[in-house]
Amino acid sequence: MRTQALTLAPPARQTLINKWATSLEAENKSPRTIRGYCRPGR
């Protein structure tokens, strides 16, 4: 699988994605899971 460059969402949406990623990290989700959940939001 090729790695894809991370594209940032518009600022308001990116803030929500960052908060969501932080809460997923607090639940001890793996980095791969967090990327998978947050990618469609962009």
N, C-alpha and C. Protein backbone atom coordinates (compact mmCIF):
# COMPACT_ATOMS: atom_id res chain seq x y z
N MET A 1 0.84 -1.18 0.00
CA MET A 1 0.00 0.00 0.00
C MET A 1 0.89 1.24 0.00
N ARG A 2 0.61 2.14 -0.89
CA ARG A 2 1.39 3.38 -0.97
C ARG A 2 0.91 4.34 0.10
N THR A 3 1.84 5.12 0.61
CA THR A 3 1.46 6.15 1.57
C THR A 3 0.97 7.36 0.80
N GLN A 4 -0.04 7.97 1.33
CA GLN A 4 -0.64 9.13 0.69
C GLN A 4 -0.29 10.37 1.49
N ALA A 5 0.01 11.45 0.81
CA ALA A 5 0.31 12.70 1.50
C ALA A 5 -0.92 13.17 2.25
N LEU A 6 -0.70 13.64 3.45
CA LEU A 6 -1.80 14.11 4.28
C LEU A 6 -2.28 15.46 3.76
N THR A 7 -3.55 15.53 3.43
CA THR A 7 -4.12 16.80 3.01
C THR A 7 -4.93 17.35 4.17
N LEU A 8 -4.77 18.61 4.44
CA LEU A 8 -5.49 19.22 5.54
C LEU A 8 -6.87 19.66 5.08
N ALA A 9 -7.81 19.54 5.97
CA ALA A 9 -9.17 19.98 5.72
C ALA A 9 -9.25 21.48 5.96
N PRO A 10 -10.38 22.11 5.60
CA PRO A 10 -10.56 23.52 5.96
C PRO A 10 -10.39 23.69 7.48
N PRO A 11 -9.94 24.85 7.92
CA PRO A 11 -9.59 25.04 9.34
C PRO A 11 -10.66 24.60 10.34
N ALA A 12 -11.91 24.94 10.11
CA ALA A 12 -12.95 24.57 11.07
C ALA A 12 -13.10 23.05 11.16
N ARG A 13 -13.07 22.39 10.03
CA ARG A 13 -13.20 20.93 10.02
C ARG A 13 -11.95 20.28 10.59
N GLN A 14 -10.78 20.84 10.32
CA GLN A 14 -9.53 20.26 10.83
C GLN A 14 -9.51 20.30 12.35
N THR A 15 -10.05 21.35 12.95
CA THR A 15 -10.12 21.44 14.41
C THR A 15 -10.94 20.29 14.97
N LEU A 16 -12.07 20.00 14.36
CA LEU A 16 -12.91 18.88 14.82
C LEU A 16 -12.20 17.55 14.63
N ILE A 17 -11.51 17.38 13.51
CA ILE A 17 -10.78 16.14 13.26
C ILE A 17 -9.69 15.96 14.31
N ASN A 18 -8.99 17.02 14.65
CA ASN A 18 -7.94 16.95 15.67
C ASN A 18 -8.50 16.55 17.02
N LYS A 19 -9.66 17.12 17.39
CA LYS A 19 -10.29 16.76 18.66
C LYS A 19 -10.72 15.30 18.66
N TRP A 20 -11.26 14.86 17.54
CA TRP A 20 -11.69 13.47 17.42
C TRP A 20 -10.49 12.54 17.55
N ALA A 21 -9.39 12.87 16.88
CA ALA A 21 -8.18 12.05 16.95
C ALA A 21 -7.66 11.98 18.39
N THR A 22 -7.72 13.10 19.10
CA THR A 22 -7.27 13.13 20.48
C THR A 22 -8.12 12.22 21.36
N SER A 23 -9.43 12.24 21.15
CA SER A 23 -10.30 11.37 21.95
C SER A 23 -10.07 9.90 21.60
N LEU A 24 -9.78 9.60 20.34
CA LEU A 24 -9.48 8.22 19.96
C LEU A 24 -8.17 7.76 20.60
N GLU A 25 -7.19 8.66 20.67
CA GLU A 25 -5.92 8.33 21.33
C GLU A 25 -6.15 8.05 22.81
N ALA A 26 -7.04 8.81 23.44
CA ALA A 26 -7.35 8.60 24.85
C ALA A 26 -7.99 7.24 25.08
N GLU A 27 -8.66 6.72 24.06
CA GLU A 27 -9.28 5.39 24.15
C GLU A 27 -8.30 4.29 23.76
N ASN A 28 -7.03 4.66 23.57
CA ASN A 28 -5.96 3.72 23.21
C ASN A 28 -6.19 3.02 21.88
N LYS A 29 -6.77 3.75 20.93
CA LYS A 29 -6.91 3.21 19.57
C LYS A 29 -5.55 3.27 18.89
N SER A 30 -5.31 2.37 17.96
CA SER A 30 -4.02 2.34 17.27
C SER A 30 -3.92 3.52 16.30
N PRO A 31 -2.69 3.95 15.99
CA PRO A 31 -2.52 5.04 15.02
C PRO A 31 -3.17 4.72 13.67
N ARG A 32 -3.10 3.46 13.27
CA ARG A 32 -3.71 3.06 12.00
C ARG A 32 -5.23 3.26 12.04
N THR A 33 -5.85 2.90 13.15
CA THR A 33 -7.29 3.07 13.30
C THR A 33 -7.66 4.55 13.27
N ILE A 34 -6.88 5.35 13.97
CA ILE A 34 -7.15 6.79 14.02
C ILE A 34 -7.06 7.39 12.62
N ARG A 35 -6.02 7.03 11.87
CA ARG A 35 -5.90 7.52 10.49
C ARG A 35 -7.09 7.09 9.65
N GLY A 36 -7.50 5.84 9.82
CA GLY A 36 -8.63 5.32 9.05
C GLY A 36 -9.93 6.03 9.36
N TYR A 37 -10.13 6.38 10.63
CA TYR A 37 -11.35 7.07 11.01
C TYR A 37 -11.34 8.53 10.56
N CYS A 38 -10.18 9.16 10.62
CA CYS A 38 -10.09 10.61 10.36
C CYS A 38 -9.93 10.95 8.88
N ARG A 39 -9.43 10.03 8.09
CA ARG A 39 -9.18 10.31 6.67
C ARG A 39 -10.45 10.74 5.92
N PRO A 40 -11.60 10.06 6.08
CA PRO A 40 -12.79 10.49 5.33
C PRO A 40 -13.28 11.90 5.70
N GLY A 41 -12.94 12.37 6.89
CA GLY A 41 -13.35 13.71 7.30
C GLY A 41 -12.66 14.81 6.53
N ARG A 42 -11.55 14.48 5.92
CA ARG A 42 -10.81 15.47 5.15
C ARG A 42 -11.42 15.59 3.80
